[in-house]
């Protein structure tokens, strides 16, 4: 009887370990795909930069690549999800000039939009940037290009002060 209980316990332990292993490999596979998407999107974006200032494009491009590489690995707020919150906070965290980046929320019940993203000051204006653009293989990282008619900038609200607590130094 004891041998049977030990055998069942070992089977349960092996099942649990393989279940967690599959989750780990799933995250790793998604992360590799994000890196591939980032490289492809970056190559397309650099051939036709969305901003005129090349150093701004380089900063945005580099930051989007880092977000794509890490968005499936890092859960910034501990909610066990990998979503726009993580991407927007990581974009803010990785962007080199904190005075030129904001975390922005857009909730529009008419279109179903409920999304966190970033504003970057470039070419003398604040531009809405989709921090998950390279994760999803978009070469144009502007919110309007990614979200089209679902995005209405009149619903934008700067929430940097609400999310800054998740930024690691």
N, C-alpha and C. Protein backbone atom coordinates (compact mmCIF):
# COMPACT_ATOMS: atom_id res chain seq x y z
N UNK A 1 0.82 -1.20 0.00
CA UNK A 1 0.00 0.00 0.00
C UNK A 1 0.86 1.26 0.00
N UNK A 2 1.91 1.24 0.82
CA UNK A 2 2.82 2.38 0.88
C UNK A 2 3.48 2.61 -0.47
N UNK A 3 3.85 1.51 -1.15
CA UNK A 3 4.47 1.62 -2.47
C UNK A 3 3.52 2.27 -3.48
N UNK A 4 2.25 1.93 -3.38
CA UNK A 4 1.24 2.52 -4.27
C UNK A 4 1.11 4.01 -4.02
N UNK A 5 1.09 4.42 -2.78
CA UNK A 5 0.98 5.84 -2.43
C UNK A 5 2.22 6.59 -2.93
N UNK A 6 3.38 6.00 -2.75
CA UNK A 6 4.62 6.64 -3.23
C UNK A 6 4.60 6.75 -4.75
N UNK A 7 4.15 5.71 -5.43
CA UNK A 7 4.08 5.73 -6.90
C UNK A 7 3.12 6.82 -7.38
N UNK A 8 1.97 6.93 -6.73
CA UNK A 8 1.00 7.97 -7.10
C UNK A 8 1.60 9.35 -6.87
N UNK A 9 2.26 9.53 -5.73
CA UNK A 9 2.88 10.81 -5.41
C UNK A 9 3.94 11.18 -6.45
N UNK A 10 4.75 10.21 -6.85
CA UNK A 10 5.79 10.46 -7.86
C UNK A 10 5.16 10.84 -9.20
N UNK A 11 4.09 10.15 -9.58
CA UNK A 11 3.39 10.47 -10.83
C UNK A 11 2.82 11.88 -10.79
N UNK A 12 2.22 12.24 -9.66
CA UNK A 12 1.68 13.60 -9.52
C UNK A 12 2.79 14.64 -9.60
N UNK A 13 3.90 14.36 -8.95
CA UNK A 13 5.04 15.27 -8.96
C UNK A 13 5.59 15.43 -10.38
N UNK A 14 5.72 14.35 -11.11
CA UNK A 14 6.21 14.40 -12.49
C UNK A 14 5.21 15.17 -13.36
N UNK A 15 3.93 14.90 -13.18
CA UNK A 15 2.91 15.63 -13.94
C UNK A 15 2.96 17.12 -13.68
N UNK A 16 3.12 17.50 -12.43
CA UNK A 16 3.20 18.91 -12.07
C UNK A 16 4.43 19.55 -12.69
N UNK A 17 5.57 18.86 -12.59
CA UNK A 17 6.82 19.39 -13.13
C UNK A 17 6.73 19.56 -14.64
N UNK A 18 6.15 18.58 -15.33
CA UNK A 18 6.07 18.70 -16.79
C UNK A 18 5.07 19.78 -17.19
N UNK A 19 4.02 19.98 -16.40
CA UNK A 19 3.05 21.05 -16.67
C UNK A 19 3.72 22.41 -16.57
N UNK A 20 4.50 22.62 -15.52
CA UNK A 20 5.21 23.88 -15.36
C UNK A 20 6.29 24.04 -16.41
N UNK A 21 6.92 22.94 -16.79
CA UNK A 21 7.94 22.98 -17.83
C UNK A 21 7.34 23.43 -19.16
N UNK A 22 6.13 22.92 -19.48
CA UNK A 22 5.47 23.33 -20.71
C UNK A 22 5.16 24.82 -20.70
N UNK A 23 4.73 25.35 -19.54
CA UNK A 23 4.45 26.78 -19.43
C UNK A 23 5.72 27.57 -19.65
N UNK A 24 6.85 27.11 -19.07
CA UNK A 24 8.13 27.78 -19.25
C UNK A 24 8.52 27.81 -20.72
N UNK A 25 8.42 26.65 -21.39
CA UNK A 25 8.79 26.59 -22.79
C UNK A 25 7.85 27.42 -23.65
N UNK A 26 6.58 27.50 -23.27
CA UNK A 26 5.62 28.33 -23.99
C UNK A 26 6.03 29.80 -23.91
N UNK A 27 6.43 30.26 -22.72
CA UNK A 27 6.89 31.64 -22.56
C UNK A 27 8.16 31.86 -23.36
N UNK A 28 9.08 30.90 -23.31
CA UNK A 28 10.33 31.02 -24.07
C UNK A 28 10.05 31.06 -25.57
N UNK A 29 9.13 30.23 -26.05
CA UNK A 29 8.80 30.22 -27.48
C UNK A 29 8.17 31.55 -27.88
N UNK A 30 7.26 32.06 -27.06
CA UNK A 30 6.65 33.36 -27.36
C UNK A 30 7.68 34.46 -27.34
N UNK A 31 8.61 34.38 -26.41
CA UNK A 31 9.67 35.37 -26.33
C UNK A 31 10.55 35.35 -27.58
N UNK A 32 10.91 34.14 -28.04
CA UNK A 32 11.70 34.03 -29.28
C UNK A 32 10.93 34.60 -30.47
N UNK A 33 9.62 34.32 -30.52
CA UNK A 33 8.79 34.86 -31.60
C UNK A 33 8.74 36.38 -31.52
N UNK A 34 8.65 36.93 -30.31
CA UNK A 34 8.64 38.38 -30.14
C UNK A 34 9.93 39.00 -30.64
N UNK A 35 11.06 38.33 -30.37
CA UNK A 35 12.35 38.84 -30.84
C UNK A 35 12.38 38.82 -32.37
N UNK A 36 11.88 37.74 -32.97
CA UNK A 36 11.82 37.65 -34.43
C UNK A 36 10.91 38.74 -34.99
N UNK A 37 9.73 38.89 -34.39
CA UNK A 37 8.81 39.96 -34.82
C UNK A 37 9.47 41.31 -34.70
N UNK A 38 10.17 41.55 -33.60
CA UNK A 38 10.82 42.84 -33.38
C UNK A 38 11.86 43.12 -34.46
N UNK A 39 12.65 42.11 -34.80
CA UNK A 39 13.68 42.30 -35.82
C UNK A 39 13.04 42.61 -37.17
N UNK A 40 11.99 41.88 -37.52
CA UNK A 40 11.32 42.12 -38.80
C UNK A 40 10.65 43.49 -38.83
N UNK A 41 9.94 43.83 -37.76
CA UNK A 41 9.25 45.13 -37.71
C UNK A 41 10.25 46.27 -37.70
N UNK A 42 11.34 46.09 -36.97
CA UNK A 42 12.38 47.11 -36.90
C UNK A 42 13.00 47.35 -38.27
N UNK A 43 13.26 46.29 -39.00
CA UNK A 43 13.86 46.42 -40.33
C UNK A 43 12.92 47.20 -41.26
N UNK A 44 11.63 46.88 -41.20
CA UNK A 44 10.67 47.61 -42.04
C UNK A 44 10.55 49.06 -41.60
N UNK A 45 10.53 49.29 -40.29
CA UNK A 45 10.38 50.65 -39.77
C UNK A 45 11.60 51.50 -40.09
N UNK A 46 12.79 50.92 -40.01
CA UNK A 46 14.00 51.72 -40.26
C UNK A 46 14.14 52.09 -41.73
N UNK A 47 13.53 51.32 -42.62
CA UNK A 47 13.60 51.67 -44.04
C UNK A 47 12.67 52.84 -44.35
N UNK A 48 11.71 53.09 -43.49
CA UNK A 48 10.78 54.20 -43.66
C UNK A 48 10.42 54.73 -42.26
N UNK A 49 11.37 55.44 -41.60
CA UNK A 49 11.13 55.85 -40.23
C UNK A 49 9.89 56.72 -40.09
N UNK A 50 9.15 56.48 -39.01
CA UNK A 50 7.92 57.22 -38.75
C UNK A 50 8.20 58.62 -38.23
N UNK A 51 9.42 58.88 -37.77
CA UNK A 51 9.77 60.21 -37.28
C UNK A 51 10.91 60.77 -38.11
N UNK A 52 10.99 62.08 -38.18
CA UNK A 52 12.03 62.72 -38.98
C UNK A 52 13.38 62.71 -38.28
N UNK A 53 13.39 62.85 -36.97
CA UNK A 53 14.63 62.89 -36.21
C UNK A 53 15.15 61.46 -36.05
N UNK A 54 16.27 61.17 -36.71
CA UNK A 54 16.78 59.80 -36.74
C UNK A 54 17.16 59.29 -35.36
N UNK A 55 17.69 60.16 -34.48
CA UNK A 55 18.06 59.69 -33.14
C UNK A 55 16.80 59.33 -32.35
N UNK A 56 15.69 60.06 -32.55
CA UNK A 56 14.43 59.71 -31.90
C UNK A 56 13.96 58.35 -32.38
N UNK A 57 14.03 58.12 -33.70
CA UNK A 57 13.62 56.82 -34.24
C UNK A 57 14.49 55.71 -33.65
N UNK A 58 15.79 55.95 -33.55
CA UNK A 58 16.69 54.94 -32.98
C UNK A 58 16.32 54.62 -31.54
N UNK A 59 15.99 55.64 -30.75
CA UNK A 59 15.59 55.41 -29.36
C UNK A 59 14.28 54.63 -29.29
N UNK A 60 13.31 55.02 -30.11
CA UNK A 60 12.02 54.33 -30.13
C UNK A 60 12.22 52.89 -30.60
N UNK A 61 12.97 52.72 -31.68
CA UNK A 61 13.22 51.39 -32.23
C UNK A 61 13.91 50.49 -31.20
N UNK A 62 14.96 50.99 -30.58
CA UNK A 62 15.70 50.22 -29.59
C UNK A 62 14.79 49.85 -28.41
N UNK A 63 13.97 50.79 -27.99
CA UNK A 63 13.07 50.56 -26.86
C UNK A 63 12.00 49.53 -27.22
N UNK A 64 11.44 49.64 -28.42
CA UNK A 64 10.43 48.66 -28.86
C UNK A 64 11.03 47.26 -28.96
N UNK A 65 12.28 47.16 -29.38
CA UNK A 65 12.95 45.86 -29.45
C UNK A 65 13.09 45.25 -28.05
N UNK A 66 13.49 46.09 -27.08
CA UNK A 66 13.63 45.59 -25.70
C UNK A 66 12.29 45.15 -25.13
N UNK A 67 11.25 45.92 -25.41
CA UNK A 67 9.91 45.54 -24.94
C UNK A 67 9.51 44.20 -25.55
N UNK A 68 9.72 44.04 -26.84
CA UNK A 68 9.36 42.78 -27.51
C UNK A 68 10.15 41.61 -26.94
N UNK A 69 11.41 41.84 -26.63
CA UNK A 69 12.26 40.79 -26.10
C UNK A 69 11.84 40.37 -24.68
N UNK A 70 11.34 41.32 -23.89
CA UNK A 70 11.10 41.05 -22.48
C UNK A 70 9.63 41.03 -22.06
N UNK A 71 8.73 41.37 -22.94
CA UNK A 71 7.33 41.51 -22.53
C UNK A 71 6.70 40.21 -22.04
N UNK A 72 7.16 39.07 -22.52
CA UNK A 72 6.60 37.79 -22.07
C UNK A 72 7.34 37.25 -20.84
N UNK A 73 8.43 37.89 -20.46
CA UNK A 73 9.23 37.41 -19.33
C UNK A 73 8.96 38.22 -18.06
N UNK A 74 8.55 39.46 -18.21
CA UNK A 74 8.45 40.36 -17.06
C UNK A 74 7.00 40.76 -16.83
N UNK A 75 6.54 40.50 -15.62
CA UNK A 75 5.20 40.90 -15.18
C UNK A 75 5.41 42.06 -14.19
N UNK A 76 5.33 43.28 -14.67
CA UNK A 76 5.72 44.44 -13.85
C UNK A 76 4.86 44.65 -12.62
N UNK A 77 3.59 44.30 -12.70
CA UNK A 77 2.68 44.58 -11.59
C UNK A 77 2.20 43.32 -10.85
N UNK A 78 2.75 42.17 -11.20
CA UNK A 78 2.45 40.94 -10.48
C UNK A 78 1.04 40.40 -10.66
N UNK A 79 0.37 40.76 -11.77
CA UNK A 79 -1.00 40.27 -11.98
C UNK A 79 -1.04 38.96 -12.77
N UNK A 80 0.13 38.38 -13.06
CA UNK A 80 0.27 37.12 -13.79
C UNK A 80 -0.21 37.21 -15.24
N UNK A 81 -0.31 38.43 -15.75
CA UNK A 81 -0.67 38.66 -17.15
C UNK A 81 0.49 39.35 -17.84
N UNK A 82 0.57 39.18 -19.13
CA UNK A 82 1.53 39.91 -19.95
C UNK A 82 0.71 40.69 -20.95
N UNK A 83 0.56 41.99 -20.66
CA UNK A 83 -0.36 42.79 -21.46
C UNK A 83 0.16 44.21 -21.64
N UNK A 84 -0.73 45.11 -21.98
CA UNK A 84 -0.35 46.48 -22.28
C UNK A 84 0.24 47.20 -21.07
N UNK A 85 -0.14 46.81 -19.88
CA UNK A 85 0.45 47.44 -18.68
C UNK A 85 1.94 47.15 -18.65
N UNK A 86 2.30 45.89 -18.82
CA UNK A 86 3.71 45.51 -18.81
C UNK A 86 4.47 46.20 -19.94
N UNK A 87 3.89 46.22 -21.12
CA UNK A 87 4.57 46.82 -22.27
C UNK A 87 4.78 48.32 -22.08
N UNK A 88 3.76 49.03 -21.60
CA UNK A 88 3.88 50.49 -21.43
C UNK A 88 4.87 50.84 -20.33
N UNK A 89 4.85 50.09 -19.23
CA UNK A 89 5.79 50.35 -18.15
C UNK A 89 7.21 50.01 -18.60
N UNK A 90 7.39 48.89 -19.29
CA UNK A 90 8.73 48.54 -19.79
C UNK A 90 9.23 49.57 -20.79
N UNK A 91 8.35 50.05 -21.68
CA UNK A 91 8.76 51.07 -22.63
C UNK A 91 9.26 52.30 -21.87
N UNK A 92 8.50 52.74 -20.90
CA UNK A 92 8.91 53.89 -20.08
C UNK A 92 10.24 53.61 -19.40
N UNK A 93 10.37 52.43 -18.82
CA UNK A 93 11.58 52.05 -18.10
C UNK A 93 12.80 52.05 -19.01
N UNK A 94 12.66 51.52 -20.21
CA UNK A 94 13.80 51.38 -21.12
C UNK A 94 14.10 52.65 -21.91
N UNK A 95 13.13 53.54 -22.05
CA UNK A 95 13.36 54.73 -22.89
C UNK A 95 14.45 55.59 -22.25
N UNK A 96 15.44 56.02 -23.03
CA UNK A 96 16.61 56.68 -22.45
C UNK A 96 16.34 58.05 -21.82
N UNK A 97 15.39 58.80 -22.32
CA UNK A 97 15.15 60.16 -21.81
C UNK A 97 13.77 60.22 -21.16
N UNK A 98 13.73 60.07 -19.84
CA UNK A 98 12.45 60.01 -19.11
C UNK A 98 11.63 61.30 -19.25
N UNK A 99 12.25 62.42 -19.52
CA UNK A 99 11.49 63.66 -19.67
C UNK A 99 10.73 63.70 -20.99
N UNK A 100 11.04 62.77 -21.90
CA UNK A 100 10.39 62.73 -23.21
C UNK A 100 9.48 61.51 -23.39
N UNK A 101 9.05 60.92 -22.30
CA UNK A 101 8.17 59.74 -22.40
C UNK A 101 7.13 59.79 -21.29
N UNK A 102 5.92 59.35 -21.62
CA UNK A 102 4.80 59.30 -20.67
C UNK A 102 4.07 57.96 -20.83
N UNK A 103 3.37 57.56 -19.77
CA UNK A 103 2.48 56.40 -19.83
C UNK A 103 1.07 56.97 -19.92
N UNK A 104 0.31 56.50 -20.91
CA UNK A 104 -0.99 57.08 -21.22
C UNK A 104 -2.06 55.99 -21.25
N UNK A 105 -3.25 56.33 -20.75
CA UNK A 105 -4.39 55.44 -20.75
C UNK A 105 -5.46 56.00 -21.69
N UNK A 106 -6.08 55.10 -22.45
CA UNK A 106 -7.17 55.50 -23.33
C UNK A 106 -8.32 54.53 -23.11
N UNK A 107 -9.41 55.04 -22.54
CA UNK A 107 -10.62 54.23 -22.36
C UNK A 107 -11.74 54.90 -23.15
N UNK A 108 -12.25 54.17 -24.13
CA UNK A 108 -13.33 54.66 -24.97
C UNK A 108 -14.37 53.54 -25.05
N UNK A 109 -15.44 53.68 -24.28
CA UNK A 109 -16.47 52.64 -24.22
C UNK A 109 -17.19 52.46 -25.55
N UNK A 110 -17.22 53.49 -26.37
CA UNK A 110 -17.91 53.39 -27.67
C UNK A 110 -17.21 52.42 -28.61
N UNK A 111 -15.88 52.39 -28.56
CA UNK A 111 -15.13 51.53 -29.47
C UNK A 111 -14.55 50.30 -28.78
N UNK A 112 -14.70 50.20 -27.47
CA UNK A 112 -14.15 49.08 -26.73
C UNK A 112 -12.67 49.24 -26.38
N UNK A 113 -12.14 50.41 -26.61
CA UNK A 113 -10.72 50.65 -26.32
C UNK A 113 -10.52 50.81 -24.82
N UNK A 114 -9.57 50.06 -24.28
CA UNK A 114 -9.14 50.18 -22.89
C UNK A 114 -7.68 49.76 -22.91
N UNK A 115 -6.79 50.74 -23.08
CA UNK A 115 -5.42 50.40 -23.43
C UNK A 115 -4.43 51.37 -22.81
N UNK A 116 -3.30 50.83 -22.39
CA UNK A 116 -2.18 51.61 -21.87
C UNK A 116 -1.09 51.62 -22.93
N UNK A 117 -0.51 52.78 -23.17
CA UNK A 117 0.52 52.93 -24.19
C UNK A 117 1.43 54.08 -23.78
N UNK A 118 2.24 54.57 -24.70
CA UNK A 118 3.20 55.63 -24.36
C UNK A 118 3.11 56.81 -25.30
N UNK A 119 3.45 57.97 -24.75
CA UNK A 119 3.68 59.18 -25.54
C UNK A 119 5.17 59.44 -25.52
N UNK A 120 5.71 59.80 -26.68
CA UNK A 120 7.11 60.17 -26.80
C UNK A 120 7.18 61.55 -27.45
N UNK A 121 8.00 62.43 -26.89
CA UNK A 121 8.18 63.76 -27.47
C UNK A 121 9.23 63.66 -28.56
N UNK A 122 8.82 63.89 -29.79
CA UNK A 122 9.70 63.79 -30.94
C UNK A 122 9.29 64.82 -31.99
N UNK A 123 10.26 65.38 -32.65
CA UNK A 123 10.01 66.38 -33.70
C UNK A 123 9.14 67.53 -33.19
N UNK A 124 9.28 67.88 -31.90
CA UNK A 124 8.57 69.01 -31.33
C UNK A 124 7.13 68.75 -30.92
N UNK A 125 6.67 67.50 -31.00
CA UNK A 125 5.30 67.17 -30.60
C UNK A 125 5.29 65.85 -29.82
N UNK A 126 4.23 65.63 -29.06
CA UNK A 126 4.03 64.36 -28.37
C UNK A 126 3.32 63.40 -29.31
N UNK A 127 3.94 62.24 -29.54
CA UNK A 127 3.38 61.22 -30.43
C UNK A 127 2.95 60.00 -29.62
N UNK A 128 1.80 59.44 -29.95
CA UNK A 128 1.29 58.24 -29.29
C UNK A 128 1.95 57.01 -29.92
N UNK A 129 2.65 56.22 -29.09
CA UNK A 129 3.40 55.06 -29.55
C UNK A 129 2.78 53.79 -28.95
N UNK A 130 2.58 52.79 -29.78
CA UNK A 130 2.09 51.48 -29.33
C UNK A 130 3.29 50.66 -28.87
N UNK A 131 3.46 50.44 -27.56
CA UNK A 131 4.65 49.73 -27.09
C UNK A 131 4.69 48.26 -27.47
N UNK A 132 3.57 47.70 -27.90
CA UNK A 132 3.52 46.30 -28.32
C UNK A 132 3.62 46.15 -29.84
N UNK A 133 3.94 47.24 -30.54
CA UNK A 133 3.97 47.20 -32.00
C UNK A 133 4.90 46.12 -32.54
N UNK A 134 6.10 46.01 -31.99
CA UNK A 134 7.04 45.02 -32.50
C UNK A 134 6.70 43.62 -32.01
N UNK A 135 6.04 43.51 -30.88
CA UNK A 135 5.59 42.21 -30.39
C UNK A 135 4.62 41.60 -31.40
N UNK A 136 3.75 42.45 -31.96
CA UNK A 136 2.74 41.99 -32.90
C UNK A 136 3.15 42.18 -34.36
N UNK A 137 4.43 42.52 -34.58
CA UNK A 137 5.03 42.61 -35.91
C UNK A 137 4.51 43.78 -36.75
N UNK A 138 4.12 44.87 -36.10
CA UNK A 138 3.77 46.10 -36.83
C UNK A 138 5.02 46.91 -37.05
N UNK A 139 5.21 47.41 -38.26
CA UNK A 139 6.38 48.26 -38.52
C UNK A 139 6.08 49.72 -38.20
N UNK A 140 4.81 50.10 -38.24
CA UNK A 140 4.43 51.47 -37.89
C UNK A 140 3.98 51.44 -36.43
N UNK A 141 4.69 52.16 -35.59
CA UNK A 141 4.44 52.08 -34.16
C UNK A 141 3.52 53.17 -33.63
N UNK A 142 2.92 53.96 -34.49
CA UNK A 142 1.97 54.97 -34.02
C UNK A 142 0.64 54.31 -33.64
N UNK A 143 0.04 54.78 -32.55
CA UNK A 143 -1.23 54.23 -32.08
C UNK A 143 -2.29 54.25 -33.19
N UNK A 144 -2.41 55.36 -33.88
CA UNK A 144 -3.44 55.50 -34.92
C UNK A 144 -3.26 54.47 -36.03
N UNK A 145 -2.01 54.13 -36.34
CA UNK A 145 -1.76 53.15 -37.40
C UNK A 145 -2.08 51.73 -36.93
N UNK A 146 -1.79 51.43 -35.68
CA UNK A 146 -2.02 50.09 -35.15
C UNK A 146 -3.50 49.86 -34.83
N UNK A 147 -4.14 50.84 -34.19
CA UNK A 147 -5.51 50.66 -33.70
C UNK A 147 -6.58 51.24 -34.61
N UNK A 148 -6.18 52.04 -35.60
CA UNK A 148 -7.09 52.63 -36.59
C UNK A 148 -8.27 53.34 -35.93
N UNK A 149 -9.48 53.07 -36.35
CA UNK A 149 -10.66 53.83 -35.89
C UNK A 149 -11.04 53.52 -34.43
N UNK A 150 -10.50 52.45 -33.88
CA UNK A 150 -10.80 52.13 -32.48
C UNK A 150 -10.14 53.14 -31.53
N UNK A 151 -9.05 53.78 -32.00
CA UNK A 151 -8.30 54.73 -31.19
C UNK A 151 -8.79 56.16 -31.45
N UNK A 152 -9.14 56.85 -30.39
CA UNK A 152 -9.54 58.25 -30.45
C UNK A 152 -8.72 59.00 -29.40
N UNK A 153 -7.80 59.82 -29.85
CA UNK A 153 -6.86 60.48 -28.94
C UNK A 153 -7.52 61.42 -27.93
N UNK A 154 -8.76 61.81 -28.18
CA UNK A 154 -9.43 62.70 -27.23
C UNK A 154 -9.69 62.00 -25.88
N UNK A 155 -9.56 60.68 -25.83
CA UNK A 155 -9.74 59.93 -24.59
C UNK A 155 -8.42 59.67 -23.86
N UNK A 156 -7.31 60.18 -24.38
CA UNK A 156 -6.00 59.96 -23.76
C UNK A 156 -5.91 60.67 -22.41
N UNK A 157 -5.28 59.99 -21.45
CA UNK A 157 -5.06 60.57 -20.13
C UNK A 157 -3.68 60.14 -19.64
N UNK A 158 -2.86 61.10 -19.25
CA UNK A 158 -1.53 60.81 -18.73
C UNK A 158 -1.66 60.16 -17.35
N UNK A 159 -1.18 58.92 -17.24
CA UNK A 159 -1.26 58.18 -15.98
C UNK A 159 0.13 57.76 -15.50
N UNK A 160 1.14 58.47 -15.95
CA UNK A 160 2.52 58.13 -15.59
C UNK A 160 2.67 58.03 -14.07
N UNK A 161 2.11 58.99 -13.35
CA UNK A 161 2.27 59.00 -11.89
C UNK A 161 1.62 57.78 -11.24
N UNK A 162 0.60 57.20 -11.88
CA UNK A 162 -0.06 56.01 -11.33
C UNK A 162 0.77 54.74 -11.55
N UNK A 163 1.56 54.70 -12.61
CA UNK A 163 2.28 53.48 -12.98
C UNK A 163 3.78 53.55 -12.72
N UNK A 164 4.29 54.69 -12.34
CA UNK A 164 5.73 54.86 -12.12
C UNK A 164 6.26 53.92 -11.03
N UNK A 165 5.37 53.51 -10.12
CA UNK A 165 5.79 52.63 -9.02
C UNK A 165 6.25 51.26 -9.52
N UNK A 166 5.85 50.89 -10.73
CA UNK A 166 6.25 49.59 -11.29
C UNK A 166 7.57 49.64 -12.04
N UNK A 167 8.11 50.82 -12.24
CA UNK A 167 9.35 50.98 -12.97
C UNK A 167 10.51 50.60 -12.04
N UNK A 168 11.36 49.68 -12.50
CA UNK A 168 12.53 49.33 -11.71
C UNK A 168 13.69 50.17 -12.19
N UNK A 169 14.52 50.52 -11.28
CA UNK A 169 15.66 51.40 -11.60
C UNK A 169 16.81 50.63 -12.18
